Amino acid sequence: MNLFIRFFLILVVCVVAFVRCSDRTEESKDEHLKLEKKEIASVPDSLLSNVVKKGLTIAQMSTYPYQVELTGLSNHRLITVYKKVGDYQRNKRSSSYDEYGNLTRDYDASYTEQHFMPGLDLVHGYNLVNIAHYNLAEEKLNYLFASPALIKSLYYPSFVQDSVEKKPIFRDYYLVSVYDEDTNKDTLINKVDLRRFYCFSSSGDKRIQLLPPSYSVVRSQYDIKNDVMYIFAKHDEDSNGEIGKNEPTHVFWLNLKQPTEAKRMY
């Protein structure tokens, strides 16, 4: 009988120990889940494609350098910096996306188009959130934008010598069409906001806003006879930070020999 009681007591102790161990395991799992949630929360914007949350720094985003663009300025190189969208986008859509979830160049891609206008090469952007400028002579790196933005188009001096009307052409600046501000105040920077147009110096440290801030770029056209770029832009007449269907389109012209101001012609 004593042996039975002793066995029973040992069994009870084992059961209690097992229950406590299970509780600790569950608590450990809960803590692990909390940590996982915390880690996920510390990497914002990871599942949004071609959208940037207002207030983020480039260090807070998951990004990757895609390519070094060889400019016609021998010591100046541009590095395209893309937002890493990840497996979510790739699995949800198709194999037409690269390893980071961005579209390949066969579709609505990020790719380089040579000599879009004489003396200028063009990079189209999708999830392109910044451009890093590197000076080989000075071994110095700087970003064109202080905060992540959505770059639609980057024009830069062509690597191969070009000409206009059989005369050599030389560009020493960068033109950027970009969504870089949450103009409609919805906490996101996306294609609903106004699209700005800037000219950057060859070193990327000085910029000029070429259009008035109440305009959003729509498209452009090149005039080879005058070496002029025509810019079609919508006017945000009601000042709500986005463009409505009924808001007017105006036309500006930009002298590509000295792109300091786009002048309205219509």
C-alpha atoms as a PDB file:
ATOM      1  CA  MET A   1       0.000   0.000   0.000  1.00  0.00           C
ATOM      2  CA  ASN A   2       2.800   2.343   0.915  1.00  0.00           C
ATOM      3  CA  LEU A   3       4.446   1.507  -2.386  1.00  0.00           C
ATOM      4  CA  PHE A   4       1.234   2.427  -4.236  1.00  0.00           C
ATOM      5  CA  ILE A   5       0.936   5.766  -2.442  1.00  0.00           C
ATOM      6  CA  ARG A   6       4.574   6.524  -3.168  1.00  0.00           C
ATOM      7  CA  PHE A   7       4.035   5.723  -6.872  1.00  0.00           C
ATOM      8  CA  PHE A   8       0.906   7.880  -6.941  1.00  0.00           C
ATOM      9  CA  LEU A   9       2.747  10.844  -5.380  1.00  0.00           C
ATOM     10  CA  ILE A  10       5.571  10.540  -7.899  1.00  0.00           C
ATOM     11  CA  LEU A  11       3.002  10.458 -10.705  1.00  0.00           C
ATOM     12  CA  VAL A  12       1.296  13.635  -9.387  1.00  0.00           C
ATOM     13  CA  VAL A  13       4.659  15.432  -9.152  1.00  0.00           C
ATOM     14  CA  CYS A  14       5.472  14.458 -12.743  1.00  0.00           C
ATOM     15  CA  VAL A  15       2.094  15.682 -14.004  1.00  0.00           C
ATOM     16  CA  VAL A  16       2.482  19.040 -12.198  1.00  0.00           C
ATOM     17  CA  ALA A  17       6.013  19.467 -13.560  1.00  0.00           C
ATOM     18  CA  PHE A  18       4.796  18.681 -17.086  1.00  0.00           C
ATOM     19  CA  VAL A  19       1.958  21.229 -16.819  1.00  0.00           C
ATOM     20  CA  ARG A  20       4.344  23.919 -15.557  1.00  0.00           C
ATOM     21  CA  CYS A  21       6.794  23.119 -18.346  1.00  0.00           C
ATOM     22  CA  SER A  22       3.974  23.378 -20.893  1.00  0.00           C
ATOM     23  CA  ASP A  23       2.936  26.739 -19.440  1.00  0.00           C
ATOM     24  CA  ARG A  24       6.491  28.000 -19.725  1.00  0.00           C
ATOM     25  CA  THR A  25       6.661  26.737 -23.302  1.00  0.00           C
ATOM     26  CA  GLU A  26       3.435  28.581 -24.152  1.00  0.00           C
ATOM     27  CA  GLU A  27       4.747  31.708 -22.446  1.00  0.00           C
ATOM     28  CA  SER A  28       7.965  31.364 -24.422  1.00  0.00           C
ATOM     29  CA  LYS A  29       5.959  31.002 -27.647  1.00  0.00           C
ATOM     30  CA  ASP A  30       3.928  34.086 -26.749  1.00  0.00           C
ATOM     31  CA  GLU A  31       7.110  36.063 -26.083  1.00  0.00           C
ATOM     32  CA  HIS A  32       8.580  34.829 -29.377  1.00  0.00           C
ATOM     33  CA  LEU A  33       5.456  35.891 -31.258  1.00  0.00           C
ATOM     34  CA  LYS A  34       5.588  39.292 -29.583  1.00  0.00           C
ATOM     35  CA  LEU A  35       9.208  39.657 -30.685  1.00  0.00           C
ATOM     36  CA  GLU A  36       8.317  38.572 -34.220  1.00  0.00           C
ATOM     37  CA  LYS A  37       5.527  41.150 -34.367  1.00  0.00           C
ATOM     38  CA  LYS A  38       7.905  43.770 -33.031  1.00  0.00           C
ATOM     39  CA  GLU A  39      10.486  42.910 -35.693  1.00  0.00           C
ATOM     40  CA  ILE A  40       7.873  43.041 -38.455  1.00  0.00           C
ATOM     41  CA  ALA A  41       6.673  46.411 -37.194  1.00  0.00           C
ATOM     42  CA  SER A  42      10.224  47.745 -37.328  1.00  0.00           C
ATOM     43  CA  VAL A  43      10.398  47.125 -41.092  1.00  0.00           C
ATOM     44  CA  PRO A  44       7.523  49.292 -42.337  1.00  0.00           C
ATOM     45  CA  ASP A  45       6.390  49.535 -45.939  1.00  0.00           C
ATOM     46  CA  SER A  46       7.540  46.001 -46.768  1.00  0.00           C
ATOM     47  CA  LEU A  47       4.344  44.858 -48.514  1.00  0.00           C
ATOM     48  CA  LEU A  48       3.410  48.041 -50.357  1.00  0.00           C
ATOM     49  CA  SER A  49       4.419  48.171 -54.014  1.00  0.00           C
ATOM     50  CA  ASN A  50       5.453  51.507 -55.559  1.00  0.00           C
ATOM     51  CA  VAL A  51       4.354  53.357 -52.416  1.00  0.00           C
ATOM     52  CA  VAL A  52       6.411  55.074 -49.716  1.00  0.00           C
ATOM     53  CA  LYS A  53       5.154  55.869 -46.228  1.00  0.00           C
ATOM     54  CA  LYS A  54       5.651  59.492 -45.260  1.00  0.00           C
ATOM     55  CA  GLY A  55       8.420  60.169 -42.755  1.00  0.00           C
ATOM     56  CA  LEU A  56      10.593  57.128 -43.470  1.00  0.00           C
ATOM     57  CA  THR A  57      14.341  57.367 -43.854  1.00  0.00           C
ATOM     58  CA  ILE A  58      16.257  55.326 -46.389  1.00  0.00           C
ATOM     59  CA  ALA A  59      17.750  53.322 -43.470  1.00  0.00           C
ATOM     60  CA  GLN A  60      14.245  52.284 -42.318  1.00  0.00           C
ATOM     61  CA  MET A  61      13.356  50.822 -45.711  1.00  0.00           C
ATOM     62  CA  SER A  62      14.433  47.507 -47.132  1.00  0.00           C
ATOM     63  CA  THR A  63      16.274  48.573 -50.317  1.00  0.00           C
ATOM     64  CA  TYR A  64      18.921  47.307 -52.711  1.00  0.00           C
ATOM     65  CA  PRO A  65      21.234  48.885 -55.321  1.00  0.00           C
ATOM     66  CA  TYR A  66      20.316  47.689 -58.806  1.00  0.00           C
ATOM     67  CA  GLN A  67      22.751  49.221 -61.245  1.00  0.00           C
ATOM     68  CA  VAL A  68      25.541  51.769 -61.663  1.00  0.00           C
ATOM     69  CA  GLU A  69      24.548  54.145 -64.459  1.00  0.00           C
ATOM     70  CA  LEU A  70      27.575  55.306 -66.476  1.00  0.00           C
ATOM     71  CA  THR A  71      27.073  58.997 -67.146  1.00  0.00           C
ATOM     72  CA  GLY A  72      28.833  61.145 -69.717  1.00  0.00           C
ATOM     73  CA  LEU A  73      30.556  62.925 -66.827  1.00  0.00           C
ATOM     74  CA  SER A  74      33.675  60.798 -66.352  1.00  0.00           C
ATOM     75  CA  ASN A  75      33.918  60.973 -62.533  1.00  0.00           C
ATOM     76  CA  HIS A  76      30.185  60.942 -61.840  1.00  0.00           C
ATOM     77  CA  ARG A  77      28.246  57.696 -61.479  1.00  0.00           C
ATOM     78  CA  LEU A  78      24.648  57.152 -60.424  1.00  0.00           C
ATOM     79  CA  ILE A  79      23.423  54.132 -58.452  1.00  0.00           C
ATOM     80  CA  THR A  80      19.734  53.283 -58.716  1.00  0.00           C
ATOM     81  CA  VAL A  81      18.262  52.327 -55.322  1.00  0.00           C
ATOM     82  CA  TYR A  82      15.091  50.231 -55.360  1.00  0.00           C
ATOM     83  CA  LYS A  83      12.599  49.252 -52.714  1.00  0.00           C
ATOM     84  CA  LYS A  84      12.740  45.535 -51.908  1.00  0.00           C
ATOM     85  CA  VAL A  85       9.170  44.264 -52.157  1.00  0.00           C
ATOM     86  CA  GLY A  86      10.009  40.604 -51.458  1.00  0.00           C
ATOM     87  CA  ASP A  87       8.408  37.203 -51.976  1.00  0.00           C
ATOM     88  CA  TYR A  88       4.888  38.499 -51.278  1.00  0.00           C
ATOM     89  CA  GLN A  89       4.659  40.427 -54.533  1.00  0.00           C
ATOM     90  CA  ARG A  90       6.512  37.807 -56.543  1.00  0.00           C
ATOM     91  CA  ASN A  91       4.290  34.953 -55.389  1.00  0.00           C
ATOM     92  CA  LYS A  92       1.076  36.951 -55.652  1.00  0.00           C
ATOM     93  CA  ARG A  93       1.747  38.017 -59.219  1.00  0.00           C
ATOM     94  CA  SER A  94       3.978  36.045 -61.572  1.00  0.00           C
ATOM     95  CA  SER A  95       7.493  35.012 -62.508  1.00  0.00           C
ATOM     96  CA  SER A  96       7.794  38.281 -64.438  1.00  0.00           C
ATOM     97  CA  TYR A  97       9.207  39.840 -61.266  1.00  0.00           C
ATOM     98  CA  ASP A  98      12.823  39.837 -60.150  1.00  0.00           C
ATOM     99  CA  GLU A  99      14.119  38.303 -56.926  1.00  0.00           C
ATOM    100  CA  TYR A 100      13.044  41.373 -54.956  1.00  0.00           C
ATOM    101  CA  GLY A 101       9.502  41.569 -56.313  1.00  0.00           C
ATOM    102  CA  ASN A 102      10.092  44.290 -58.921  1.00  0.00           C
ATOM    103  CA  LEU A 103       8.954  44.015 -62.508  1.00  0.00           C
ATOM    104  CA  THR A 104      11.449  42.845 -65.134  1.00  0.00           C
ATOM    105  CA  ARG A 105      12.221  45.091 -68.106  1.00  0.00           C
ATOM    106  CA  ASP A 106       9.835  43.221 -70.431  1.00  0.00           C
ATOM    107  CA  TYR A 107       6.877  44.773 -68.591  1.00  0.00           C
ATOM    108  CA  ASP A 108       6.191  48.098 -66.827  1.00  0.00           C
ATOM    109  CA  ALA A 109       9.802  47.954 -65.796  1.00  0.00           C
ATOM    110  CA  SER A 110      12.702  49.841 -64.373  1.00  0.00           C
ATOM    111  CA  TYR A 111      15.181  49.964 -67.228  1.00  0.00           C
ATOM    112  CA  THR A 112      17.535  52.284 -69.109  1.00  0.00           C
ATOM    113  CA  GLU A 113      16.544  53.739 -72.477  1.00  0.00           C
ATOM    114  CA  GLN A 114      19.490  55.210 -74.343  1.00  0.00           C
ATOM    115  CA  HIS A 115      19.234  58.595 -76.043  1.00  0.00           C
ATOM    116  CA  PHE A 116      15.611  59.322 -75.242  1.00  0.00           C
ATOM    117  CA  MET A 117      16.586  62.894 -76.059  1.00  0.00           C
ATOM    118  CA  PRO A 118      19.980  63.777 -77.625  1.00  0.00           C
ATOM    119  CA  GLY A 119      22.654  63.780 -74.944  1.00  0.00           C
ATOM    120  CA  LEU A 120      20.394  62.226 -72.309  1.00  0.00           C
ATOM    121  CA  ASP A 121      19.781  58.622 -71.312  1.00  0.00           C
ATOM    122  CA  LEU A 122      16.629  57.681 -69.418  1.00  0.00           C
ATOM    123  CA  VAL A 123      15.821  55.328 -66.540  1.00  0.00           C
ATOM    124  CA  HIS A 124      12.131  54.513 -65.978  1.00  0.00           C
ATOM    125  CA  GLY A 125      11.275  53.870 -62.340  1.00  0.00           C
ATOM    126  CA  TYR A 126       9.067  51.335 -60.569  1.00  0.00           C
ATOM    127  CA  ASN A 127       9.804  51.047 -56.833  1.00  0.00           C
ATOM    128  CA  LEU A 128      12.805  53.309 -57.540  1.00  0.00           C
ATOM    129  CA  VAL A 129      13.076  55.211 -54.248  1.00  0.00           C
ATOM    130  CA  ASN A 130      16.357  57.119 -54.565  1.00  0.00           C
ATOM    131  CA  ILE A 131      19.402  57.848 -56.692  1.00  0.00           C
ATOM    132  CA  ALA A 132      22.842  57.698 -55.092  1.00  0.00           C
ATOM    133  CA  HIS A 133      25.487  59.916 -56.696  1.00  0.00           C
ATOM    134  CA  TYR A 134      29.141  58.887 -56.398  1.00  0.00           C
ATOM    135  CA  ASN A 135      32.153  61.037 -57.304  1.00  0.00           C
ATOM    136  CA  LEU A 136      35.044  58.722 -58.216  1.00  0.00           C
ATOM    137  CA  ALA A 137      37.666  61.481 -57.952  1.00  0.00           C
ATOM    138  CA  GLU A 138      36.558  62.608 -54.491  1.00  0.00           C
ATOM    139  CA  GLU A 139      35.350  59.168 -53.337  1.00  0.00           C
ATOM    140  CA  LYS A 140      32.193  60.829 -52.069  1.00  0.00           C
ATOM    141  CA  LEU A 141      28.607  59.498 -51.960  1.00  0.00           C
ATOM    142  CA  ASN A 142      25.429  61.545 -51.663  1.00  0.00           C
ATOM    143  CA  TYR A 143      21.727  60.966 -52.382  1.00  0.00           C
ATOM    144  CA  LEU A 144      19.663  63.121 -54.725  1.00  0.00           C
ATOM    145  CA  PHE A 145      16.776  62.971 -52.232  1.00  0.00           C
ATOM    146  CA  ALA A 146      17.086  63.336 -48.461  1.00  0.00           C
ATOM    147  CA  SER A 147      14.122  60.964 -47.934  1.00  0.00           C
ATOM    148  CA  PRO A 148      12.765  58.032 -49.984  1.00  0.00           C
ATOM    149  CA  ALA A 149      10.629  59.122 -52.939  1.00  0.00           C
ATOM    150  CA  LEU A 150       9.005  57.491 -55.962  1.00  0.00           C
ATOM    151  CA  ILE A 151      11.116  58.328 -58.989  1.00  0.00           C
ATOM    152  CA  LYS A 152       9.241  58.055 -62.267  1.00  0.00           C
ATOM    153  CA  SER A 153      11.967  59.184 -64.700  1.00  0.00           C
ATOM    154  CA  LEU A 154      15.686  59.923 -64.416  1.00  0.00           C
ATOM    155  CA  TYR A 155      17.428  61.702 -67.308  1.00  0.00           C
ATOM    156  CA  TYR A 156      21.234  61.859 -67.152  1.00  0.00           C
ATOM    157  CA  PRO A 157      24.134  62.743 -69.513  1.00  0.00           C
ATOM    158  CA  SER A 158      24.553  59.950 -72.045  1.00  0.00           C
ATOM    159  CA  PHE A 159      27.697  57.850 -71.750  1.00  0.00           C
ATOM    160  CA  VAL A 160      28.169  57.798 -75.524  1.00  0.00           C
ATOM    161  CA  GLN A 161      28.786  61.147 -77.233  1.00  0.00           C
ATOM    162  CA  ASP A 162      25.626  62.431 -78.928  1.00  0.00           C
ATOM    163  CA  SER A 163      24.741  65.286 -81.260  1.00  0.00           C
ATOM    164  CA  VAL A 164      21.926  67.623 -82.291  1.00  0.00           C
ATOM    165  CA  GLU A 165      21.788  68.621 -85.963  1.00  0.00           C
ATOM    166  CA  LYS A 166      25.249  67.025 -86.403  1.00  0.00           C
ATOM    167  CA  LYS A 167      26.716  69.212 -83.648  1.00  0.00           C
ATOM    168  CA  PRO A 168      28.124  67.477 -80.533  1.00  0.00           C
ATOM    169  CA  ILE A 169      25.904  67.927 -77.482  1.00  0.00           C
ATOM    170  CA  PHE A 170      27.074  67.906 -73.890  1.00  0.00           C
ATOM    171  CA  ARG A 171      24.822  67.778 -70.810  1.00  0.00           C
ATOM    172  CA  ASP A 172      26.094  68.336 -67.282  1.00  0.00           C
ATOM    173  CA  TYR A 173      22.922  67.896 -65.227  1.00  0.00           C
ATOM    174  CA  TYR A 174      20.247  65.385 -64.229  1.00  0.00           C
ATOM    175  CA  LEU A 175      16.496  65.783 -64.691  1.00  0.00           C
ATOM    176  CA  VAL A 176      14.181  63.872 -62.352  1.00  0.00           C
ATOM    177  CA  SER A 177      10.411  63.422 -62.511  1.00  0.00           C
ATOM    178  CA  VAL A 178       9.338  62.278 -59.036  1.00  0.00           C
ATOM    179  CA  TYR A 179       6.673  61.936 -56.361  1.00  0.00           C
ATOM    180  CA  ASP A 180       8.622  63.227 -53.352  1.00  0.00           C
ATOM    181  CA  GLU A 181       5.944  64.729 -51.112  1.00  0.00           C
ATOM    182  CA  ASP A 182       2.676  63.597 -49.525  1.00  0.00           C
ATOM    183  CA  THR A 183       0.817  66.457 -51.189  1.00  0.00           C
ATOM    184  CA  ASN A 184      -2.708  65.175 -50.419  1.00  0.00           C
ATOM    185  CA  LYS A 185      -1.839  64.477 -46.739  1.00  0.00           C
ATOM    186  CA  ASP A 186      -2.918  60.812 -46.650  1.00  0.00           C
ATOM    187  CA  THR A 187       0.395  59.690 -45.010  1.00  0.00           C
ATOM    188  CA  LEU A 188       1.541  57.966 -48.231  1.00  0.00           C
ATOM    189  CA  ILE A 189       3.686  59.071 -51.153  1.00  0.00           C
ATOM    190  CA  ASN A 190       2.234  57.506 -54.269  1.00  0.00           C
ATOM    191  CA  LYS A 191       0.932  58.255 -57.771  1.00  0.00           C
ATOM    192  CA  VAL A 192      -2.066  60.128 -56.362  1.00  0.00           C
ATOM    193  CA  ASP A 193       0.244  62.936 -55.203  1.00  0.00           C
ATOM    194  CA  LEU A 194       1.592  65.727 -57.402  1.00  0.00           C
ATOM    195  CA  ARG A 195       4.581  64.743 -59.533  1.00  0.00           C
ATOM    196  CA  ARG A 196       7.466  67.229 -59.370  1.00  0.00           C
ATOM    197  CA  PHE A 197      10.166  67.945 -61.940  1.00  0.00           C
ATOM    198  CA  TYR A 198      13.702  68.886 -60.844  1.00  0.00           C
ATOM    199  CA  CYS A 199      17.058  69.723 -62.367  1.00  0.00           C
ATOM    200  CA  PHE A 200      20.100  68.594 -60.342  1.00  0.00           C
ATOM    201  CA  SER A 201      23.675  69.802 -60.701  1.00  0.00           C
ATOM    202  CA  SER A 202      26.327  67.359 -61.922  1.00  0.00           C
ATOM    203  CA  SER A 203      27.396  66.655 -58.325  1.00  0.00           C
ATOM    204  CA  GLY A 204      23.770  66.092 -57.256  1.00  0.00           C
ATOM    205  CA  ASP A 205      23.987  68.543 -54.346  1.00  0.00           C
ATOM    206  CA  LYS A 206      21.979  71.415 -55.874  1.00  0.00           C
ATOM    207  CA  ARG A 207      18.535  71.280 -57.391  1.00  0.00           C
ATOM    208  CA  ILE A 208      15.986  73.548 -59.051  1.00  0.00           C
ATOM    209  CA  GLN A 209      12.236  72.900 -59.146  1.00  0.00           C
ATOM    210  CA  LEU A 210      11.392  73.524 -62.775  1.00  0.00           C
ATOM    211  CA  LEU A 211       7.587  73.802 -62.518  1.00  0.00           C
ATOM    212  CA  PRO A 212       5.461  75.781 -60.041  1.00  0.00           C
ATOM    213  CA  PRO A 213       4.572  73.623 -56.975  1.00  0.00           C
ATOM    214  CA  SER A 214       0.857  73.562 -57.873  1.00  0.00           C
ATOM    215  CA  TYR A 215       1.510  71.483 -61.032  1.00  0.00           C
ATOM    216  CA  SER A 216       1.860  67.744 -61.606  1.00  0.00           C
ATOM    217  CA  VAL A 217       3.821  66.422 -64.593  1.00  0.00           C
ATOM    218  CA  VAL A 218       1.875  64.226 -67.018  1.00  0.00           C
ATOM    219  CA  ARG A 219       4.174  63.672 -70.019  1.00  0.00           C
ATOM    220  CA  SER A 220       6.830  65.282 -72.209  1.00  0.00           C
ATOM    221  CA  GLN A 221       7.785  65.808 -75.857  1.00  0.00           C
ATOM    222  CA  TYR A 222      11.102  66.727 -77.516  1.00  0.00           C
ATOM    223  CA  ASP A 223      11.703  69.436 -80.142  1.00  0.00           C
ATOM    224  CA  ILE A 224      14.973  68.619 -81.931  1.00  0.00           C
ATOM    225  CA  LYS A 225      15.066  71.881 -83.960  1.00  0.00           C
ATOM    226  CA  ASN A 226      15.182  74.019 -80.824  1.00  0.00           C
ATOM    227  CA  ASP A 227      16.630  71.479 -78.365  1.00  0.00           C
ATOM    228  CA  VAL A 228      13.594  72.077 -76.173  1.00  0.00           C
ATOM    229  CA  MET A 229      11.547  69.771 -73.967  1.00  0.00           C
ATOM    230  CA  TYR A 230       7.798  70.376 -73.828  1.00  0.00           C
ATOM    231  CA  ILE A 231       6.224  69.404 -70.525  1.00  0.00           C
ATOM    232  CA  PHE A 232       2.504  68.722 -70.152  1.00  0.00           C
ATOM    233  CA  ALA A 233       1.340  69.261 -66.581  1.00  0.00           C
ATOM    234  CA  LYS A 234      -1.974  69.326 -64.721  1.00  0.00           C
ATOM    235  CA  HIS A 235      -2.783  72.288 -62.496  1.00  0.00           C
ATOM    236  CA  ASP A 236      -4.045  71.584 -58.970  1.00  0.00           C
ATOM    237  CA  GLU A 237      -6.611  74.384 -59.046  1.00  0.00           C
ATOM    238  CA  ASP A 238      -8.502  73.400 -55.892  1.00  0.00           C
ATOM    239  CA  SER A 239      -5.219  72.978 -53.933  1.00  0.00           C
ATOM    240  CA  ASN A 240      -6.177  69.563 -52.521  1.00  0.00           C
ATOM    241  CA  GLY A 241      -2.780  68.059 -53.310  1.00  0.00           C
ATOM    242  CA  GLU A 242      -3.940  65.751 -56.099  1.00  0.00           C
ATOM    243  CA  ILE A 243      -5.151  66.016 -59.660  1.00  0.00           C
ATOM    244  CA  GLY A 244      -8.809  65.738 -60.639  1.00  0.00           C
ATOM    245  CA  LYS A 245     -10.128  64.758 -64.070  1.00  0.00           C
ATOM    246  CA  ASN A 246     -11.545  68.210 -64.739  1.00  0.00           C
ATOM    247  CA  GLU A 247      -8.458  70.178 -63.766  1.00  0.00           C
ATOM    248  CA  PRO A 248      -6.700  71.854 -66.721  1.00  0.00           C
ATOM    249  CA  THR A 249      -3.545  70.726 -68.524  1.00  0.00           C
ATOM    250  CA  HIS A 250      -0.954  73.387 -69.313  1.00  0.00           C
ATOM    251  CA  VAL A 251       2.139  73.175 -71.506  1.00  0.00           C
ATOM    252  CA  PHE A 252       5.600  74.419 -70.527  1.00  0.00           C
ATOM    253  CA  TRP A 253       8.856  74.546 -72.482  1.00  0.00           C
ATOM    254  CA  LEU A 254      12.321  73.892 -71.098  1.00  0.00           C
ATOM    255  CA  ASN A 255      15.577  74.967 -72.732  1.00  0.00           C
ATOM    256  CA  LEU A 256      17.805  71.890 -72.441  1.00  0.00           C
ATOM    257  CA  LYS A 257      20.943  73.948 -73.025  1.00  0.00           C
ATOM    258  CA  GLN A 258      20.244  75.754 -69.736  1.00  0.00           C
ATOM    259  CA  PRO A 259      17.392  74.050 -67.819  1.00  0.00           C
ATOM    260  CA  THR A 260      16.751  76.559 -65.040  1.00  0.00           C
ATOM    261  CA  GLU A 261      13.017  77.263 -65.499  1.00  0.00           C
ATOM    262  CA  ALA A 262      10.158  75.750 -67.481  1.00  0.00           C
ATOM    263  CA  LYS A 263       8.177  78.573 -69.076  1.00  0.00           C
ATOM    264  CA  ARG A 264       4.463  78.302 -69.690  1.00  0.00           C
ATOM    265  CA  MET A 265       3.422  78.488 -73.361  1.00  0.00           C
ATOM    266  CA  TYR A 266      -0.208  77.292 -73.134  1.00  0.00           C
END
